[in-house]
């Protein structure tokens, strides 16, 4: 006798899809957001990340 396989929730596939969605959203955030913008939002004032005056 052949038994019917029950369709059950695949936890591994759900976790894989969730991880993939998190990676895609994190990548999109990193590409579309500059470091200066985030630092200015956190500290409330422009933050000097580089200084060109010392190159002379």
Protein backbone atom coordinates (compact mmCIF):
# COMPACT_ATOMS: atom_id res chain seq x y z
CA UNK A 1 0.00 0.00 0.00
CA UNK A 2 1.17 3.47 -0.85
CA UNK A 3 0.52 6.09 1.76
CA UNK A 4 -0.31 9.63 0.78
CA UNK A 5 2.35 12.09 1.83
CA UNK A 6 0.94 14.82 3.98
CA UNK A 7 1.74 18.31 2.84
CA UNK A 8 3.35 19.86 5.84
CA UNK A 9 4.92 23.20 6.61
CA UNK A 10 8.59 23.20 5.63
CA UNK A 11 10.38 25.20 8.30
CA UNK A 12 13.73 25.08 6.49
CA UNK A 13 12.28 26.62 3.32
CA UNK A 14 10.48 29.32 5.32
CA UNK A 15 13.71 30.21 7.15
CA UNK A 16 15.65 30.31 3.89
CA UNK A 17 13.11 32.64 2.28
CA UNK A 18 13.10 34.87 5.37
CA UNK A 19 16.89 35.08 5.41
CA UNK A 20 16.98 35.88 1.70
CA UNK A 21 14.40 38.66 2.18
CA UNK A 22 16.46 40.14 5.04
CA UNK A 23 19.63 40.09 2.95
CA UNK A 24 17.91 41.77 0.01
CA UNK A 25 16.40 44.51 2.18
CA UNK A 26 19.72 45.09 3.99
CA UNK A 27 21.56 45.31 0.67
CA UNK A 28 19.03 47.80 -0.70
CA UNK A 29 19.38 49.91 2.46
CA UNK A 30 23.18 49.91 2.26
CA UNK A 31 23.19 50.88 -1.42
CA UNK A 32 20.67 53.72 -1.03
CA UNK A 33 21.90 55.28 2.24
CA UNK A 34 25.11 57.22 2.71
CA UNK A 35 27.21 57.07 5.87
CA UNK A 36 27.12 60.84 6.29
CA UNK A 37 23.30 60.82 6.19
CA UNK A 38 23.07 58.19 8.92
CA UNK A 39 25.66 59.89 11.14
CA UNK A 40 23.97 63.26 10.77
CA UNK A 41 20.62 61.72 11.73
CA UNK A 42 22.17 60.01 14.79
CA UNK A 43 24.23 62.92 16.11
CA UNK A 44 22.12 65.86 14.89
CA UNK A 45 25.08 67.69 13.36
CA UNK A 46 27.31 67.04 10.36
CA UNK A 47 30.12 64.66 11.26
CA UNK A 48 33.55 65.07 9.67
CA UNK A 49 34.44 61.73 8.11
CA UNK A 50 37.43 63.02 6.15
CA UNK A 51 39.58 66.12 6.21
CA UNK A 52 41.13 67.39 2.99
CA UNK A 53 43.07 70.24 4.66
CA UNK A 54 45.88 67.91 5.82
CA UNK A 55 46.69 66.79 2.26
CA UNK A 56 48.47 70.06 1.39
